[in-house]
Amino acid sequence: MEKPDFIVVMGVSGTGKSVIARSLAERLGVDWIEADTYHSPENVERMRSGQGLTDCLRWPWLAAVAAAALDLPGRPAVVACSALKRSYRDFLRQRLGDVAFVFLDGEAELIRQRLGDRADHFAGPSLLASQLATLERPQPDERFIALPIAWSPDRIVDTAAAAFA
């Protein structure tokens, strides 16, 4: 797979998007952004209280994420973003152009355990069911690689970096 302008590390909360995106960006020597930092205070509070986001709440957030990604000085760049629905990924492709996705996939029980282990994030275990219900797995006509979260972070980053070398 050729190196795209943007690599979006995607998946439900608790799959390790931030860790993998940061490590992948370091490995590739490029900039990265954390999409969670572009949520409105209202979105954060809603998620902190265990309520999932609606499409209406996600669109302004996705627009802010795309704008921030376009502001990064170099290419490729890495973005940690859930991108749960095909329409969200289509939106990112329309805004960013050349995008490939790293889909972090795993068993619900492992994700639930990881969510329970982290105390400093607004997206807790109570959001997992709504995230999984919203998730539309990438399809063969989308440019992506799927990697299991049961792998070590190093193995995931090694595989993703090799895919975009």
C-alpha atoms as a PDB file:
ATOM      1  CA  MET A   1       0.000   0.000   0.000  1.00  0.00           C
ATOM      2  CA  GLU A   2       1.440   3.392  -0.939  1.00  0.00           C
ATOM      3  CA  LYS A   3       1.992   6.018   1.720  1.00  0.00           C
ATOM      4  CA  PRO A   4      -1.148   8.201   1.902  1.00  0.00           C
ATOM      5  CA  ASP A   5      -1.278  11.864   2.874  1.00  0.00           C
ATOM      6  CA  PHE A   6      -3.242  10.948   5.999  1.00  0.00           C
ATOM      7  CA  ILE A   7      -3.344   7.768   8.060  1.00  0.00           C
ATOM      8  CA  VAL A   8      -6.391   7.619  10.328  1.00  0.00           C
ATOM      9  CA  VAL A   9      -6.105   5.171  13.213  1.00  0.00           C
ATOM     10  CA  MET A  10      -9.718   4.230  13.869  1.00  0.00           C
ATOM     11  CA  GLY A  11     -11.870   2.051  16.108  1.00  0.00           C
ATOM     12  CA  VAL A  12     -14.161   2.206  19.096  1.00  0.00           C
ATOM     13  CA  SER A  13     -13.063   3.756  22.376  1.00  0.00           C
ATOM     14  CA  GLY A  14     -10.573   1.598  24.225  1.00  0.00           C
ATOM     15  CA  THR A  15      -8.873   0.020  21.205  1.00  0.00           C
ATOM     16  CA  GLY A  16      -5.684   2.034  21.665  1.00  0.00           C
ATOM     17  CA  LYS A  17      -6.055   4.614  18.906  1.00  0.00           C
ATOM     18  CA  SER A  18      -4.071   7.312  20.711  1.00  0.00           C
ATOM     19  CA  VAL A  19      -1.184   5.057  21.695  1.00  0.00           C
ATOM     20  CA  ILE A  20      -0.933   3.526  18.234  1.00  0.00           C
ATOM     21  CA  ALA A  21      -1.328   6.844  16.365  1.00  0.00           C
ATOM     22  CA  ARG A  22       1.342   8.551  18.482  1.00  0.00           C
ATOM     23  CA  SER A  23       3.744   5.618  18.114  1.00  0.00           C
ATOM     24  CA  LEU A  24       3.079   5.289  14.390  1.00  0.00           C
ATOM     25  CA  ALA A  25       3.700   9.000  13.868  1.00  0.00           C
ATOM     26  CA  GLU A  26       6.962   8.748  15.826  1.00  0.00           C
ATOM     27  CA  ARG A  27       8.024   5.722  13.781  1.00  0.00           C
ATOM     28  CA  LEU A  28       7.262   7.524  10.509  1.00  0.00           C
ATOM     29  CA  GLY A  29       8.728  10.815  11.744  1.00  0.00           C
ATOM     30  CA  VAL A  30       5.519  12.745  11.075  1.00  0.00           C
ATOM     31  CA  ASP A  31       2.990  14.879  12.952  1.00  0.00           C
ATOM     32  CA  TRP A  32      -0.190  13.528  14.462  1.00  0.00           C
ATOM     33  CA  ILE A  33      -3.360  14.776  16.097  1.00  0.00           C
ATOM     34  CA  GLU A  34      -5.708  13.355  18.695  1.00  0.00           C
ATOM     35  CA  ALA A  35      -9.289  13.856  17.496  1.00  0.00           C
ATOM     36  CA  ASP A  36     -10.644  13.697  21.055  1.00  0.00           C
ATOM     37  CA  THR A  37      -9.119  17.121  21.764  1.00  0.00           C
ATOM     38  CA  TYR A  38     -11.511  18.644  19.201  1.00  0.00           C
ATOM     39  CA  HIS A  39     -14.716  17.541  20.947  1.00  0.00           C
ATOM     40  CA  SER A  40     -16.852  20.364  22.273  1.00  0.00           C
ATOM     41  CA  PRO A  41     -17.218  20.627  26.055  1.00  0.00           C
ATOM     42  CA  GLU A  42     -20.849  19.543  25.582  1.00  0.00           C
ATOM     43  CA  ASN A  43     -19.786  16.389  23.723  1.00  0.00           C
ATOM     44  CA  VAL A  44     -17.230  15.558  26.400  1.00  0.00           C
ATOM     45  CA  GLU A  45     -19.780  16.019  29.186  1.00  0.00           C
ATOM     46  CA  ARG A  46     -22.332  13.920  27.319  1.00  0.00           C
ATOM     47  CA  MET A  47     -19.838  11.078  26.909  1.00  0.00           C
ATOM     48  CA  ARG A  48     -18.596  11.431  30.490  1.00  0.00           C
ATOM     49  CA  SER A  49     -22.201  10.856  31.607  1.00  0.00           C
ATOM     50  CA  GLY A  50     -22.361   7.664  29.519  1.00  0.00           C
ATOM     51  CA  GLN A  51     -24.375   8.983  26.582  1.00  0.00           C
ATOM     52  CA  GLY A  52     -23.207   8.299  23.052  1.00  0.00           C
ATOM     53  CA  LEU A  53     -22.981  11.009  20.432  1.00  0.00           C
ATOM     54  CA  THR A  54     -25.520  11.459  17.668  1.00  0.00           C
ATOM     55  CA  ASP A  55     -24.604  12.216  14.066  1.00  0.00           C
ATOM     56  CA  CYS A  56     -25.593  15.850  14.625  1.00  0.00           C
ATOM     57  CA  LEU A  57     -23.062  16.082  17.440  1.00  0.00           C
ATOM     58  CA  ARG A  58     -20.344  14.287  15.476  1.00  0.00           C
ATOM     59  CA  TRP A  59     -20.375  16.346  12.250  1.00  0.00           C
ATOM     60  CA  PRO A  60     -18.960  19.594  13.723  1.00  0.00           C
ATOM     61  CA  TRP A  61     -16.360  17.548  15.577  1.00  0.00           C
ATOM     62  CA  LEU A  62     -15.304  15.714  12.401  1.00  0.00           C
ATOM     63  CA  ALA A  63     -15.090  19.047  10.558  1.00  0.00           C
ATOM     64  CA  ALA A  64     -12.798  20.392  13.302  1.00  0.00           C
ATOM     65  CA  VAL A  65     -10.650  17.246  13.139  1.00  0.00           C
ATOM     66  CA  ALA A  66     -10.305  17.515   9.353  1.00  0.00           C
ATOM     67  CA  ALA A  67      -9.407  21.219   9.588  1.00  0.00           C
ATOM     68  CA  ALA A  68      -6.766  20.474  12.234  1.00  0.00           C
ATOM     69  CA  ALA A  69      -5.312  17.677  10.120  1.00  0.00           C
ATOM     70  CA  LEU A  70      -5.088  19.948   7.095  1.00  0.00           C
ATOM     71  CA  ASP A  71      -3.260  22.510   9.246  1.00  0.00           C
ATOM     72  CA  LEU A  72      -0.473  20.040  10.013  1.00  0.00           C
ATOM     73  CA  PRO A  73       2.643  21.139   8.141  1.00  0.00           C
ATOM     74  CA  GLY A  74       3.744  17.888   6.521  1.00  0.00           C
ATOM     75  CA  ARG A  75       2.519  14.767   4.829  1.00  0.00           C
ATOM     76  CA  PRO A  76       1.913  12.083   5.659  1.00  0.00           C
ATOM     77  CA  ALA A  77       0.229  12.866   8.959  1.00  0.00           C
ATOM     78  CA  VAL A  78      -1.492  10.553  11.419  1.00  0.00           C
ATOM     79  CA  VAL A  79      -4.905  11.120  13.007  1.00  0.00           C
ATOM     80  CA  ALA A  80      -6.356   9.188  15.950  1.00  0.00           C
ATOM     81  CA  CYS A  81     -10.116   9.284  15.296  1.00  0.00           C
ATOM     82  CA  SER A  82     -12.907   6.777  15.882  1.00  0.00           C
ATOM     83  CA  ALA A  83     -14.357   7.189  12.337  1.00  0.00           C
ATOM     84  CA  LEU A  84     -16.985   4.615  13.253  1.00  0.00           C
ATOM     85  CA  LYS A  85     -19.349   4.970  10.296  1.00  0.00           C
ATOM     86  CA  ARG A  86     -18.700   4.748   6.582  1.00  0.00           C
ATOM     87  CA  SER A  87     -20.245   8.218   6.207  1.00  0.00           C
ATOM     88  CA  TYR A  88     -17.693   9.613   8.707  1.00  0.00           C
ATOM     89  CA  ARG A  89     -14.835   8.018   6.776  1.00  0.00           C
ATOM     90  CA  ASP A  90     -16.293   9.323   3.498  1.00  0.00           C
ATOM     91  CA  PHE A  91     -16.421  12.798   5.036  1.00  0.00           C
ATOM     92  CA  LEU A  92     -12.768  12.563   6.088  1.00  0.00           C
ATOM     93  CA  ARG A  93     -11.802  11.352   2.589  1.00  0.00           C
ATOM     94  CA  GLN A  94     -13.734  14.237   1.011  1.00  0.00           C
ATOM     95  CA  ARG A  95     -12.027  16.789   3.260  1.00  0.00           C
ATOM     96  CA  LEU A  96      -8.541  15.295   3.412  1.00  0.00           C
ATOM     97  CA  GLY A  97      -8.177  13.598   0.047  1.00  0.00           C
ATOM     98  CA  ASP A  98      -5.655  10.764   0.171  1.00  0.00           C
ATOM     99  CA  VAL A  99      -6.562   8.836   3.337  1.00  0.00           C
ATOM    100  CA  ALA A 100      -5.905   5.293   4.510  1.00  0.00           C
ATOM    101  CA  PHE A 101      -7.304   3.786   7.696  1.00  0.00           C
ATOM    102  CA  VAL A 102      -5.785   1.531  10.334  1.00  0.00           C
ATOM    103  CA  PHE A 103      -8.780  -0.228  11.872  1.00  0.00           C
ATOM    104  CA  LEU A 104      -8.028  -1.432  15.390  1.00  0.00           C
ATOM    105  CA  ASP A 105     -10.331  -4.380  15.951  1.00  0.00           C
ATOM    106  CA  GLY A 106     -10.910  -6.566  18.956  1.00  0.00           C
ATOM    107  CA  GLU A 107     -13.231  -8.542  21.147  1.00  0.00           C
ATOM    108  CA  ALA A 108     -15.757  -6.532  23.170  1.00  0.00           C
ATOM    109  CA  GLU A 109     -14.607  -8.088  26.452  1.00  0.00           C
ATOM    110  CA  LEU A 110     -10.978  -7.008  25.917  1.00  0.00           C
ATOM    111  CA  ILE A 111     -12.108  -3.498  24.987  1.00  0.00           C
ATOM    112  CA  ARG A 112     -14.397  -3.336  28.048  1.00  0.00           C
ATOM    113  CA  GLN A 113     -11.484  -4.375  30.258  1.00  0.00           C
ATOM    114  CA  ARG A 114      -9.249  -1.693  28.762  1.00  0.00           C
ATOM    115  CA  LEU A 115     -11.933   0.954  29.213  1.00  0.00           C
ATOM    116  CA  GLY A 116     -12.334  -0.062  32.837  1.00  0.00           C
ATOM    117  CA  ASP A 117      -8.585   0.175  33.408  1.00  0.00           C
ATOM    118  CA  ARG A 118      -8.277   3.784  32.291  1.00  0.00           C
ATOM    119  CA  ALA A 119      -9.402   6.424  34.747  1.00  0.00           C
ATOM    120  CA  ASP A 120      -8.401   9.643  33.035  1.00  0.00           C
ATOM    121  CA  HIS A 121     -10.595   9.545  29.925  1.00  0.00           C
ATOM    122  CA  PHE A 122     -14.154  10.774  29.452  1.00  0.00           C
ATOM    123  CA  ALA A 123     -15.169   7.741  27.382  1.00  0.00           C
ATOM    124  CA  GLY A 124     -15.756   4.921  29.844  1.00  0.00           C
ATOM    125  CA  PRO A 125     -17.125   1.388  29.620  1.00  0.00           C
ATOM    126  CA  SER A 126     -20.731   2.620  29.545  1.00  0.00           C
ATOM    127  CA  LEU A 127     -20.164   3.933  25.992  1.00  0.00           C
ATOM    128  CA  LEU A 128     -18.938   0.652  24.544  1.00  0.00           C
ATOM    129  CA  ALA A 129     -22.354  -0.731  23.599  1.00  0.00           C
ATOM    130  CA  SER A 130     -23.315   2.424  21.686  1.00  0.00           C
ATOM    131  CA  GLN A 131     -19.907   2.566  20.006  1.00  0.00           C
ATOM    132  CA  LEU A 132     -20.158  -1.050  18.877  1.00  0.00           C
ATOM    133  CA  ALA A 133     -23.716  -0.475  17.660  1.00  0.00           C
ATOM    134  CA  THR A 134     -22.546   2.552  15.654  1.00  0.00           C
ATOM    135  CA  LEU A 135     -19.467   0.848  14.200  1.00  0.00           C
ATOM    136  CA  GLU A 136     -19.624   0.072  10.500  1.00  0.00           C
ATOM    137  CA  ARG A 137     -16.564  -1.999   9.720  1.00  0.00           C
ATOM    138  CA  PRO A 138     -14.495  -0.807   6.772  1.00  0.00           C
ATOM    139  CA  GLN A 139     -15.401  -2.508   3.508  1.00  0.00           C
ATOM    140  CA  PRO A 140     -13.163  -3.918   0.762  1.00  0.00           C
ATOM    141  CA  ASP A 141     -13.598  -0.798  -1.397  1.00  0.00           C
ATOM    142  CA  GLU A 142     -12.098   1.356   1.379  1.00  0.00           C
ATOM    143  CA  ARG A 143      -8.353   1.792   1.746  1.00  0.00           C
ATOM    144  CA  PHE A 144      -7.593   0.189   5.126  1.00  0.00           C
ATOM    145  CA  ILE A 145      -5.776  -2.440   7.076  1.00  0.00           C
ATOM    146  CA  ALA A 146      -7.400  -4.173  10.053  1.00  0.00           C
ATOM    147  CA  LEU A 147      -5.146  -5.053  12.963  1.00  0.00           C
ATOM    148  CA  PRO A 148      -6.092  -6.980  16.107  1.00  0.00           C
ATOM    149  CA  ILE A 149      -5.799  -5.116  19.382  1.00  0.00           C
ATOM    150  CA  ALA A 150      -4.774  -8.384  21.058  1.00  0.00           C
ATOM    151  CA  TRP A 151      -1.370  -7.848  19.423  1.00  0.00           C
ATOM    152  CA  SER A 152       1.244  -5.818  21.282  1.00  0.00           C
ATOM    153  CA  PRO A 153       1.353  -2.100  20.437  1.00  0.00           C
ATOM    154  CA  ASP A 154       4.829  -2.613  18.943  1.00  0.00           C
ATOM    155  CA  ARG A 155       3.568  -5.326  16.601  1.00  0.00           C
ATOM    156  CA  ILE A 156       0.600  -3.185  15.549  1.00  0.00           C
ATOM    157  CA  VAL A 157       2.858  -0.197  14.839  1.00  0.00           C
ATOM    158  CA  ASP A 158       5.425  -2.347  13.036  1.00  0.00           C
ATOM    159  CA  THR A 159       2.714  -3.812  10.796  1.00  0.00           C
ATOM    160  CA  ALA A 160       1.078  -0.448  10.092  1.00  0.00           C
ATOM    161  CA  ALA A 161       4.407   1.255   9.392  1.00  0.00           C
ATOM    162  CA  ALA A 162       5.392  -1.538   7.004  1.00  0.00           C
ATOM    163  CA  ALA A 163       2.047  -1.230   5.211  1.00  0.00           C
ATOM    164  CA  PHE A 164       2.671   2.439   4.486  1.00  0.00           C
ATOM    165  CA  ALA A 165       6.415   2.310   3.755  1.00  0.00           C
END
